[in-house]
């Protein structure tokens, strides 16, 4: 259910995505104080949540969201491959 936060912080929110976020998205996740990130497929070329970099778990930063990766990874990978193959 969508609920307007009324502020820039996303405390209490979970973001669910098919592909591991890139550095720009990981930075936005960290800066917005998102509580949790759930992603499916790893991105070995540009992933910034464990594959290539690990921006959201950097101990020098003041906020580190919970990260749950690899959820339905095969299905997410197949879905992304099918989508871009069709383009």
N, C-alpha and C. Protein backbone atom coordinates (compact mmCIF):
# COMPACT_ATOMS: atom_id res chain seq x y z
N UNK A 1 0.84 -1.18 0.00
CA UNK A 1 0.00 0.00 0.00
C UNK A 1 0.89 1.24 0.00
N UNK A 2 0.58 2.18 -0.86
CA UNK A 2 1.34 3.42 -0.96
C UNK A 2 0.88 4.39 0.12
N UNK A 3 1.85 4.96 0.80
CA UNK A 3 1.54 5.96 1.82
C UNK A 3 2.52 7.10 1.65
N UNK A 4 2.04 8.32 1.54
CA UNK A 4 2.91 9.48 1.37
C UNK A 4 3.69 9.72 2.67
N UNK A 5 5.00 9.86 2.52
CA UNK A 5 5.86 10.05 3.68
C UNK A 5 5.85 11.49 4.18
N UNK A 6 5.82 12.45 3.25
CA UNK A 6 5.83 13.85 3.67
C UNK A 6 7.21 14.35 4.07
N UNK A 7 8.26 13.58 3.79
CA UNK A 7 9.63 13.98 4.08
C UNK A 7 10.57 13.22 3.14
N UNK A 8 11.83 13.62 3.11
CA UNK A 8 12.78 12.99 2.19
C UNK A 8 13.30 11.66 2.70
N UNK A 9 13.22 11.41 3.98
CA UNK A 9 13.68 10.13 4.53
C UNK A 9 12.66 9.04 4.24
N UNK A 10 13.17 7.87 3.91
CA UNK A 10 12.29 6.73 3.63
C UNK A 10 12.41 5.67 4.73
N UNK A 11 12.57 6.11 5.95
CA UNK A 11 12.64 5.20 7.09
C UNK A 11 11.37 4.37 7.15
N UNK A 12 11.54 3.10 7.41
CA UNK A 12 10.39 2.20 7.48
C UNK A 12 10.00 1.61 6.14
N UNK A 13 10.71 1.97 5.07
CA UNK A 13 10.37 1.50 3.72
C UNK A 13 11.33 0.42 3.24
N UNK A 14 10.82 -0.42 2.36
CA UNK A 14 11.60 -1.47 1.71
C UNK A 14 11.49 -1.26 0.21
N UNK A 15 12.63 -1.32 -0.49
CA UNK A 15 12.67 -1.24 -1.94
C UNK A 15 12.94 -2.64 -2.48
N UNK A 16 12.10 -3.10 -3.41
CA UNK A 16 12.25 -4.42 -4.01
C UNK A 16 12.50 -4.23 -5.50
N UNK A 17 13.65 -4.74 -6.01
CA UNK A 17 14.00 -4.56 -7.41
C UNK A 17 14.51 -5.88 -7.99
N UNK A 18 14.45 -5.99 -9.32
CA UNK A 18 14.90 -7.21 -9.98
C UNK A 18 16.42 -7.29 -10.08
N UNK A 19 17.10 -6.13 -10.23
CA UNK A 19 18.54 -6.10 -10.47
C UNK A 19 19.25 -5.32 -9.37
N UNK A 20 20.41 -5.79 -8.97
CA UNK A 20 21.23 -5.11 -7.98
C UNK A 20 21.46 -3.66 -8.40
N UNK A 21 21.25 -2.71 -7.50
CA UNK A 21 21.40 -1.29 -7.85
C UNK A 21 22.82 -0.90 -8.25
N UNK A 22 22.90 0.11 -9.13
CA UNK A 22 24.17 0.69 -9.56
C UNK A 22 24.64 1.69 -8.49
N UNK A 23 25.77 2.35 -8.73
CA UNK A 23 26.30 3.30 -7.74
C UNK A 23 25.36 4.47 -7.51
N UNK A 24 24.74 5.00 -8.57
CA UNK A 24 23.83 6.13 -8.40
C UNK A 24 22.62 5.72 -7.54
N UNK A 25 22.04 4.57 -7.84
CA UNK A 25 20.88 4.11 -7.08
C UNK A 25 21.25 3.74 -5.65
N UNK A 26 22.42 3.11 -5.47
CA UNK A 26 22.88 2.76 -4.13
C UNK A 26 23.10 4.01 -3.29
N UNK A 27 23.63 5.06 -3.92
CA UNK A 27 23.81 6.33 -3.22
C UNK A 27 22.47 6.93 -2.80
N UNK A 28 21.48 6.87 -3.68
CA UNK A 28 20.15 7.38 -3.35
C UNK A 28 19.52 6.57 -2.23
N UNK A 29 19.73 5.26 -2.25
CA UNK A 29 19.21 4.39 -1.19
C UNK A 29 19.83 4.76 0.15
N UNK A 30 21.12 4.96 0.16
CA UNK A 30 21.83 5.30 1.38
C UNK A 30 21.40 6.68 1.89
N UNK A 31 21.37 7.66 1.00
CA UNK A 31 21.04 9.03 1.40
C UNK A 31 19.59 9.18 1.86
N UNK A 32 18.69 8.38 1.31
CA UNK A 32 17.27 8.50 1.67
C UNK A 32 16.93 7.77 2.97
N UNK A 33 17.91 7.08 3.55
CA UNK A 33 17.73 6.35 4.81
C UNK A 33 16.72 5.21 4.69
N UNK A 34 16.67 4.61 3.51
CA UNK A 34 15.81 3.45 3.29
C UNK A 34 16.19 2.35 4.28
N UNK A 35 15.21 1.67 4.85
CA UNK A 35 15.50 0.63 5.84
C UNK A 35 16.01 -0.67 5.22
N UNK A 36 15.46 -1.04 4.06
CA UNK A 36 15.75 -2.37 3.54
C UNK A 36 15.72 -2.36 2.01
N UNK A 37 16.65 -3.10 1.43
CA UNK A 37 16.72 -3.31 -0.01
C UNK A 37 16.64 -4.80 -0.28
N UNK A 38 15.75 -5.20 -1.16
CA UNK A 38 15.63 -6.60 -1.58
C UNK A 38 15.82 -6.61 -3.09
N UNK A 39 16.80 -7.39 -3.56
CA UNK A 39 17.01 -7.47 -5.01
C UNK A 39 17.17 -8.91 -5.45
N UNK A 40 16.94 -9.14 -6.74
CA UNK A 40 17.03 -10.48 -7.30
C UNK A 40 18.39 -10.79 -7.88
N UNK A 41 18.62 -10.39 -9.12
CA UNK A 41 19.84 -10.74 -9.85
C UNK A 41 21.00 -9.82 -9.50
N UNK A 42 22.20 -10.41 -9.38
CA UNK A 42 23.42 -9.63 -9.19
C UNK A 42 23.80 -8.96 -10.50
N UNK A 43 24.48 -7.82 -10.40
CA UNK A 43 24.97 -7.12 -11.59
C UNK A 43 26.49 -7.06 -11.49
N UNK A 44 27.15 -8.02 -12.11
CA UNK A 44 28.61 -8.13 -12.02
C UNK A 44 29.33 -6.97 -12.71
N UNK A 45 28.66 -6.27 -13.62
CA UNK A 45 29.30 -5.18 -14.36
C UNK A 45 29.18 -3.84 -13.67
N UNK A 46 28.07 -3.61 -12.96
CA UNK A 46 27.85 -2.29 -12.37
C UNK A 46 27.21 -2.31 -10.99
N UNK A 47 27.08 -3.47 -10.38
CA UNK A 47 26.42 -3.59 -9.08
C UNK A 47 27.19 -2.92 -7.96
N UNK A 48 26.48 -2.13 -7.16
CA UNK A 48 27.11 -1.38 -6.07
C UNK A 48 26.58 -1.79 -4.70
N UNK A 49 26.05 -3.01 -4.61
CA UNK A 49 25.55 -3.52 -3.34
C UNK A 49 26.15 -4.90 -3.08
N UNK A 50 27.41 -5.06 -3.49
CA UNK A 50 28.10 -6.31 -3.20
C UNK A 50 28.85 -6.92 -4.36
N UNK A 51 28.40 -6.73 -5.59
CA UNK A 51 29.07 -7.36 -6.73
C UNK A 51 30.38 -6.67 -7.09
N UNK A 52 30.30 -5.43 -7.54
CA UNK A 52 31.48 -4.68 -7.94
C UNK A 52 31.94 -3.76 -6.82
N UNK A 53 30.99 -3.07 -6.21
CA UNK A 53 31.23 -2.22 -5.04
C UNK A 53 30.23 -2.61 -3.97
N UNK A 54 30.39 -2.06 -2.77
CA UNK A 54 29.42 -2.30 -1.70
C UNK A 54 29.17 -0.99 -0.97
N UNK A 55 28.59 -0.07 -1.69
CA UNK A 55 28.37 1.28 -1.18
C UNK A 55 27.48 1.33 0.05
N UNK A 56 26.40 0.59 0.06
CA UNK A 56 25.43 0.71 1.16
C UNK A 56 25.91 0.10 2.47
N UNK A 57 26.97 -0.70 2.44
CA UNK A 57 27.50 -1.28 3.68
C UNK A 57 28.83 -0.66 4.10
N UNK A 58 29.21 0.43 3.48
CA UNK A 58 30.47 1.10 3.79
C UNK A 58 30.40 1.66 5.21
N UNK A 59 31.28 1.23 6.08
CA UNK A 59 31.25 1.62 7.49
C UNK A 59 31.53 3.10 7.72
N UNK A 60 32.06 3.77 6.70
CA UNK A 60 32.32 5.21 6.84
C UNK A 60 31.05 6.04 6.71
N UNK A 61 30.00 5.45 6.22
CA UNK A 61 28.73 6.17 6.05
C UNK A 61 27.86 6.00 7.28
N UNK A 62 26.97 6.98 7.49
CA UNK A 62 26.18 6.99 8.72
C UNK A 62 24.92 6.14 8.68
N UNK A 63 24.57 5.61 7.51
CA UNK A 63 23.36 4.78 7.42
C UNK A 63 23.66 3.56 6.56
N UNK A 64 23.30 2.39 7.04
CA UNK A 64 23.50 1.16 6.30
C UNK A 64 22.22 0.34 6.33
N UNK A 65 21.49 0.34 5.21
CA UNK A 65 20.24 -0.42 5.17
C UNK A 65 20.49 -1.92 5.16
N UNK A 66 19.51 -2.66 5.58
CA UNK A 66 19.56 -4.12 5.47
C UNK A 66 19.49 -4.47 3.99
N UNK A 67 20.30 -5.42 3.55
CA UNK A 67 20.31 -5.85 2.16
C UNK A 67 20.02 -7.33 2.09
N UNK A 68 19.04 -7.69 1.28
CA UNK A 68 18.69 -9.09 1.05
C UNK A 68 18.81 -9.30 -0.45
N UNK A 69 19.84 -10.00 -0.88
CA UNK A 69 20.09 -10.20 -2.30
C UNK A 69 19.84 -11.62 -2.75
N UNK A 70 19.68 -11.78 -4.05
CA UNK A 70 19.52 -13.11 -4.63
C UNK A 70 18.13 -13.69 -4.52
N UNK A 71 17.14 -12.87 -4.20
CA UNK A 71 15.77 -13.36 -4.07
C UNK A 71 15.21 -13.63 -5.47
N UNK A 72 14.87 -14.87 -5.73
CA UNK A 72 14.38 -15.29 -7.05
C UNK A 72 15.34 -14.86 -8.15
N UNK A 73 16.63 -15.02 -7.90
CA UNK A 73 17.67 -14.53 -8.80
C UNK A 73 17.54 -15.08 -10.22
N UNK A 74 17.31 -16.36 -10.37
CA UNK A 74 17.18 -16.95 -11.71
C UNK A 74 16.00 -16.37 -12.48
N UNK A 75 14.87 -16.25 -11.81
CA UNK A 75 13.68 -15.70 -12.44
C UNK A 75 13.88 -14.23 -12.83
N UNK A 76 14.52 -13.47 -11.94
CA UNK A 76 14.78 -12.05 -12.24
C UNK A 76 15.74 -11.92 -13.42
N UNK A 77 16.78 -12.72 -13.42
CA UNK A 77 17.75 -12.68 -14.51
C UNK A 77 17.09 -13.03 -15.84
N UNK A 78 16.28 -14.06 -15.84
CA UNK A 78 15.58 -14.48 -17.05
C UNK A 78 14.62 -13.38 -17.53
N UNK A 79 13.92 -12.77 -16.61
CA UNK A 79 12.99 -11.70 -16.96
C UNK A 79 13.72 -10.51 -17.59
N UNK A 80 14.84 -10.13 -17.02
CA UNK A 80 15.63 -9.03 -17.57
C UNK A 80 16.20 -9.38 -18.95
N UNK A 81 16.73 -10.60 -19.08
CA UNK A 81 17.27 -11.05 -20.37
C UNK A 81 16.20 -11.06 -21.44
N UNK A 82 15.05 -11.60 -21.14
CA UNK A 82 13.94 -11.65 -22.10
C UNK A 82 13.50 -10.24 -22.51
N UNK A 83 13.43 -9.35 -21.55
CA UNK A 83 13.00 -7.97 -21.84
C UNK A 83 13.96 -7.29 -22.81
N UNK A 84 15.27 -7.35 -22.50
CA UNK A 84 16.24 -6.64 -23.34
C UNK A 84 16.49 -7.36 -24.67
N UNK A 85 16.33 -8.65 -24.69
CA UNK A 85 16.45 -9.40 -25.96
C UNK A 85 15.31 -8.99 -26.90
N UNK A 86 14.15 -8.71 -26.34
CA UNK A 86 12.99 -8.31 -27.14
C UNK A 86 13.06 -6.88 -27.66
N UNK A 87 13.97 -6.10 -27.13
CA UNK A 87 14.10 -4.70 -27.57
C UNK A 87 15.03 -4.66 -28.73
